[in-house]
Every structure is written in C-alpha cells, then in structure tokens.
C-alpha cells in the first residue's frame, strides 16, 4: 500500500518514482533559487522548511511532525509521545564544532520527526549547519552507501564511525553546484531512489492532470 498522497497514486512503486522525480527537482530548486540560505540553520523550523519544500506537492504532512510511531528493522525511532520535547532538546544542542554538529545530526535522525523523507531532508539540514559554522559541506558522492547506513545504524550507541566517515568526505566547495547535485543523487541512493538524475529535472514540472510522472 502506498502512503496517502496528493497525487492520488495507490501503487507504491509508482509513488516512489513520482516522489523521487518531484522532490529531486524541488531539492535542486532549493539550491538554485538561494531559498535554502534563507532558512534557519540547526533548528526544527529550518528542517521543517526543507521538508515542506521537498514534499509539499506530494504529501499533506510535508513539514509536519509525524503522528504515528515508526521503526526501521528492529530500531524504533522516538515515540510520538516524546517527539516534541526531543526536538526542543535537539535544537538546544551546540553546533560550533564538527563533533557537536554530527552529534546533533545523529539525535535528529533518532527523532525521525517526519512520516517519510527524514534522511533526505536531514542531510540537507546537516550540510546547512556545516556550511554556516565551518564553511564546509559533505561531498556525499564520496560516502559509500553501505558504510553510511551501517554507521548510522550504530550511531545512537557509538557515533565514532559516522564521524570518521563524514569527516573524510568534507569539502570547502560550499557553493559548488556539482557537489550539491551529486550529493542529492547520493542521498537519494541511500534510500533506494536512483531512477532519475537531479541534473535532468531542472525544468520538468509534471502535468498533474494526466499523471505524467515517469
């Protein structure tokens, strides 16, 4: 079953294709319009704005705190009951050093505040913090998918692996379009979305009336 969506799609594979195409185009738009640089950095409000921009054409819940409990494998993300309090605490976490920023990122991943699209929006949020505080971003195209997923899975208990992995991929090309675009493609690849290249979606607004998404 597909998640309830604004597109009226009931097939999960078709929804995945539409979601990838539309939200990658919106991710590119964030960069090319400079909108991303207007959002708050390191706050829930900033993350919510990123998520809303990526997914507002697809889901009613874009930018909103989830109202159901979710899990991945055997790991349960923060309970809905404590989610708002967790977000307040995460927002207060320091972000002046690389280690502090990654620790904040790990905690936001544990919170997993959205019903869908957490990883993709939170990696953009992480880069915005790194850009503001350290004048660096992560070149996600240099971060191996399996290494990343394993390190993130272990990060709530031991975050040294994810810190080492991401530190090795830092770049000072903070405004480089190619680094950003390749990073979006890599970020989506981690989640199993790899049909469309972000570079090719610049002017591909879909015709919603006939469902022309793929």
Foldseek 3Di string as FASTA:
>chain_A
DDDDWPLPDDDNVLLLLLLLLQLLLLLLVCQVVVVLVVADALALRSLLVLQCSRDVRIHPCRSHFDPQWDADDPGTADHPVCLVVLRVVLSPFDQQDLVSLVLSLLSQVSSQGGPDDSQLSSLSSSQRSCCVRPLKGFQLLQQDLVQCVVLSVCCVPPNPSVSVRRVVRIDNPSSDSVSSQSNSQSSVVSVPRHPDRSVPSNPPDDDSVVSPRD
